[in-house]
């Protein structure tokens, strides 16, 4: 499903992409040729692909970039600090 640009993320993260800046980098996948970013304003996850960036759901972000969520995964498994 393709979304309108105005309907994804927030004005902060959309503005960063429009200005050639980026939200905060969380992870990079050399295998998929992608990068995962998160907006510090709204918490949206962005996946930068070879030709464009789009928002992705948190479940997809966790599945595709497990190394970006070690604290979350540790807490989910009931492990201590």
N, C-alpha and C. Protein backbone atom coordinates (compact mmCIF):
# COMPACT_ATOMS: atom_id res chain seq x y z
N UNK A 1 0.83 -1.17 0.00
CA UNK A 1 0.00 0.00 0.00
C UNK A 1 0.88 1.24 0.00
N UNK A 2 0.70 2.08 -0.95
CA UNK A 2 1.48 3.31 -1.06
C UNK A 2 0.79 4.42 -0.30
N UNK A 3 1.55 5.15 0.51
CA UNK A 3 0.99 6.22 1.32
C UNK A 3 1.40 7.58 0.77
N UNK A 4 0.60 8.58 1.05
CA UNK A 4 0.96 9.94 0.67
C UNK A 4 2.08 10.42 1.57
N UNK A 5 2.97 11.22 1.02
CA UNK A 5 4.12 11.74 1.76
C UNK A 5 3.66 12.49 3.02
N UNK A 6 2.60 13.25 2.92
CA UNK A 6 2.11 14.05 4.05
C UNK A 6 1.53 13.19 5.16
N UNK A 7 1.26 11.92 4.89
CA UNK A 7 0.63 11.04 5.87
C UNK A 7 1.62 10.15 6.63
N UNK A 8 2.91 10.25 6.33
CA UNK A 8 3.90 9.40 6.99
C UNK A 8 4.78 10.23 7.91
N UNK A 9 5.21 9.62 9.00
CA UNK A 9 6.10 10.32 9.92
C UNK A 9 5.47 11.58 10.47
N UNK A 10 6.30 12.60 10.67
CA UNK A 10 5.85 13.91 11.15
C UNK A 10 6.60 14.99 10.38
N UNK A 11 6.27 16.23 10.64
CA UNK A 11 6.92 17.32 9.92
C UNK A 11 8.42 17.38 10.20
N UNK A 12 8.83 16.89 11.37
CA UNK A 12 10.26 16.89 11.70
C UNK A 12 11.03 15.93 10.79
N UNK A 13 10.61 14.67 10.76
CA UNK A 13 11.36 13.69 9.98
C UNK A 13 11.17 13.89 8.47
N UNK A 14 9.97 14.26 8.04
CA UNK A 14 9.80 14.54 6.61
C UNK A 14 10.70 15.70 6.20
N UNK A 15 10.78 16.73 7.05
CA UNK A 15 11.64 17.87 6.77
C UNK A 15 13.10 17.49 6.69
N UNK A 16 13.52 16.56 7.55
CA UNK A 16 14.91 16.10 7.49
C UNK A 16 15.21 15.44 6.14
N UNK A 17 14.32 14.58 5.68
CA UNK A 17 14.53 13.94 4.38
C UNK A 17 14.51 14.97 3.26
N UNK A 18 13.60 15.92 3.33
CA UNK A 18 13.49 16.94 2.28
C UNK A 18 14.74 17.82 2.20
N UNK A 19 15.40 18.06 3.33
CA UNK A 19 16.60 18.89 3.37
C UNK A 19 17.87 18.09 3.12
N UNK A 20 17.76 16.80 2.89
CA UNK A 20 18.93 15.97 2.68
C UNK A 20 19.59 15.55 3.98
N UNK A 21 18.91 15.77 5.09
CA UNK A 21 19.38 15.30 6.39
C UNK A 21 18.75 13.94 6.64
N UNK A 22 18.99 13.38 7.78
CA UNK A 22 18.41 12.08 8.11
C UNK A 22 17.99 12.06 9.57
N UNK A 23 16.96 11.28 9.90
CA UNK A 23 16.68 11.03 11.33
C UNK A 23 17.85 10.24 11.93
N UNK A 24 17.73 9.84 13.18
CA UNK A 24 18.82 9.13 13.86
C UNK A 24 19.01 7.72 13.28
N UNK A 25 20.24 7.41 12.87
CA UNK A 25 20.57 6.10 12.32
C UNK A 25 20.59 5.06 13.43
N UNK A 26 19.91 3.95 13.19
CA UNK A 26 19.87 2.85 14.16
C UNK A 26 20.68 1.64 13.69
N UNK A 27 20.60 1.32 12.41
CA UNK A 27 21.26 0.11 11.92
C UNK A 27 21.43 0.19 10.41
N UNK A 28 22.30 -0.68 9.91
CA UNK A 28 22.53 -0.76 8.48
C UNK A 28 22.61 -2.23 8.09
N UNK A 29 22.01 -2.57 6.97
CA UNK A 29 22.06 -3.93 6.47
C UNK A 29 22.81 -3.94 5.14
N UNK A 30 24.01 -4.48 5.16
CA UNK A 30 24.77 -4.59 3.92
C UNK A 30 24.11 -5.60 2.98
N UNK A 31 23.52 -6.63 3.57
CA UNK A 31 22.86 -7.66 2.78
C UNK A 31 21.67 -7.10 1.99
N UNK A 32 20.83 -6.29 2.66
CA UNK A 32 19.64 -5.74 2.02
C UNK A 32 19.90 -4.39 1.34
N UNK A 33 21.10 -3.83 1.55
CA UNK A 33 21.43 -2.50 1.01
C UNK A 33 20.47 -1.44 1.54
N UNK A 34 20.21 -1.49 2.85
CA UNK A 34 19.26 -0.57 3.48
C UNK A 34 19.83 -0.04 4.79
N UNK A 35 19.21 1.03 5.28
CA UNK A 35 19.54 1.60 6.59
C UNK A 35 18.24 1.86 7.33
N UNK A 36 18.28 1.68 8.65
CA UNK A 36 17.12 1.94 9.50
C UNK A 36 17.37 3.21 10.30
N UNK A 37 16.41 4.12 10.26
CA UNK A 37 16.46 5.37 11.01
C UNK A 37 15.22 5.45 11.89
N UNK A 38 15.31 6.25 12.96
CA UNK A 38 14.15 6.51 13.81
C UNK A 38 14.05 8.01 14.03
N UNK A 39 12.84 8.51 13.97
CA UNK A 39 12.58 9.93 14.20
C UNK A 39 12.55 10.19 15.69
N UNK A 40 13.29 11.20 16.14
CA UNK A 40 13.30 11.55 17.56
C UNK A 40 12.06 12.36 17.93
N UNK A 41 11.30 12.82 16.93
CA UNK A 41 10.08 13.57 17.19
C UNK A 41 8.87 12.68 17.38
N UNK A 42 8.63 11.79 16.42
CA UNK A 42 7.41 10.97 16.47
C UNK A 42 7.66 9.48 16.68
N UNK A 43 8.92 9.05 16.59
CA UNK A 43 9.24 7.64 16.80
C UNK A 43 9.04 6.76 15.59
N UNK A 44 8.74 7.35 14.43
CA UNK A 44 8.56 6.55 13.22
C UNK A 44 9.87 5.91 12.80
N UNK A 45 9.77 4.68 12.30
CA UNK A 45 10.93 3.99 11.74
C UNK A 45 10.94 4.22 10.25
N UNK A 46 12.10 4.60 9.75
CA UNK A 46 12.29 4.84 8.32
C UNK A 46 13.33 3.87 7.78
N UNK A 47 13.03 3.29 6.63
CA UNK A 47 14.00 2.44 5.96
C UNK A 47 14.46 3.16 4.70
N UNK A 48 15.75 3.42 4.65
CA UNK A 48 16.34 4.04 3.45
C UNK A 48 16.79 2.92 2.53
N UNK A 49 16.21 2.88 1.37
CA UNK A 49 16.56 1.87 0.37
C UNK A 49 17.48 2.51 -0.65
N UNK A 50 17.82 1.82 -1.70
CA UNK A 50 18.79 2.35 -2.66
C UNK A 50 18.32 3.62 -3.36
N UNK A 51 17.03 3.78 -3.57
CA UNK A 51 16.53 4.93 -4.33
C UNK A 51 15.54 5.82 -3.58
N UNK A 52 15.06 5.37 -2.42
CA UNK A 52 14.07 6.16 -1.68
C UNK A 52 13.99 5.68 -0.23
N UNK A 53 13.30 6.44 0.58
CA UNK A 53 13.07 6.08 1.98
C UNK A 53 11.57 6.00 2.23
N UNK A 54 11.18 5.10 3.11
CA UNK A 54 9.77 4.97 3.47
C UNK A 54 9.66 4.54 4.92
N UNK A 55 8.51 4.78 5.52
CA UNK A 55 8.30 4.33 6.88
C UNK A 55 7.97 2.84 6.88
N UNK A 56 8.37 2.19 7.97
CA UNK A 56 8.04 0.78 8.16
C UNK A 56 7.49 0.59 9.57
N UNK A 57 6.73 -0.44 9.78
CA UNK A 57 6.15 -0.75 11.08
C UNK A 57 7.25 -1.22 12.04
N UNK A 58 7.03 -1.03 13.33
CA UNK A 58 8.04 -1.41 14.32
C UNK A 58 8.33 -2.91 14.28
N UNK A 59 7.32 -3.73 14.02
CA UNK A 59 7.53 -5.18 13.94
C UNK A 59 8.48 -5.53 12.80
N UNK A 60 8.31 -4.86 11.67
CA UNK A 60 9.19 -5.11 10.53
C UNK A 60 10.60 -4.63 10.83
N UNK A 61 10.72 -3.48 11.50
CA UNK A 61 12.03 -2.96 11.88
C UNK A 61 12.76 -3.94 12.79
N UNK A 62 12.06 -4.47 13.78
CA UNK A 62 12.66 -5.43 14.72
C UNK A 62 13.05 -6.73 14.03
N UNK A 63 12.24 -7.17 13.11
CA UNK A 63 12.52 -8.41 12.39
C UNK A 63 13.70 -8.23 11.43
N UNK A 64 13.75 -7.10 10.75
CA UNK A 64 14.79 -6.88 9.74
C UNK A 64 16.12 -6.41 10.32
N UNK A 65 16.06 -5.75 11.50
CA UNK A 65 17.27 -5.19 12.12
C UNK A 65 17.33 -5.59 13.60
N UNK A 66 17.42 -6.87 13.93
CA UNK A 66 17.39 -7.29 15.33
C UNK A 66 18.54 -6.70 16.14
N UNK A 67 19.66 -6.42 15.51
CA UNK A 67 20.81 -5.86 16.22
C UNK A 67 20.55 -4.44 16.73
N UNK A 68 19.54 -3.78 16.20
CA UNK A 68 19.21 -2.41 16.62
C UNK A 68 18.37 -2.38 17.89
N UNK A 69 17.89 -3.54 18.33
CA UNK A 69 16.97 -3.59 19.47
C UNK A 69 17.45 -4.55 20.56
N UNK A 70 18.72 -4.54 20.94
CA UNK A 70 19.19 -5.52 21.93
C UNK A 70 18.55 -5.36 23.30
N UNK A 71 18.35 -4.14 23.76
CA UNK A 71 17.74 -3.94 25.07
C UNK A 71 16.30 -4.43 25.07
N UNK A 72 15.58 -4.16 23.99
CA UNK A 72 14.20 -4.62 23.87
C UNK A 72 14.14 -6.14 23.88
N UNK A 73 15.00 -6.78 23.11
CA UNK A 73 14.99 -8.23 23.03
C UNK A 73 15.38 -8.87 24.35
N UNK A 74 16.34 -8.28 25.05
CA UNK A 74 16.77 -8.81 26.34
C UNK A 74 15.62 -8.75 27.36
N UNK A 75 14.93 -7.63 27.39
CA UNK A 75 13.81 -7.47 28.32
C UNK A 75 12.68 -8.43 27.97
N UNK A 76 12.46 -8.64 26.68
CA UNK A 76 11.39 -9.53 26.23
C UNK A 76 11.67 -10.97 26.66
N UNK A 77 12.94 -11.36 26.71
CA UNK A 77 13.32 -12.72 27.08
C UNK A 77 13.42 -12.88 28.60
N UNK A 78 13.26 -11.78 29.34
CA UNK A 78 13.32 -11.85 30.79
C UNK A 78 14.73 -11.90 31.34
N UNK A 79 15.71 -11.55 30.53
CA UNK A 79 17.11 -11.56 30.98
C UNK A 79 17.39 -10.35 31.85
N UNK A 80 18.30 -10.47 32.73
CA UNK A 80 18.71 -9.36 33.60
C UNK A 80 19.66 -8.43 32.88
N UNK A 81 20.05 -7.33 33.54
CA UNK A 81 20.95 -6.35 32.91
C UNK A 81 22.32 -6.88 32.65
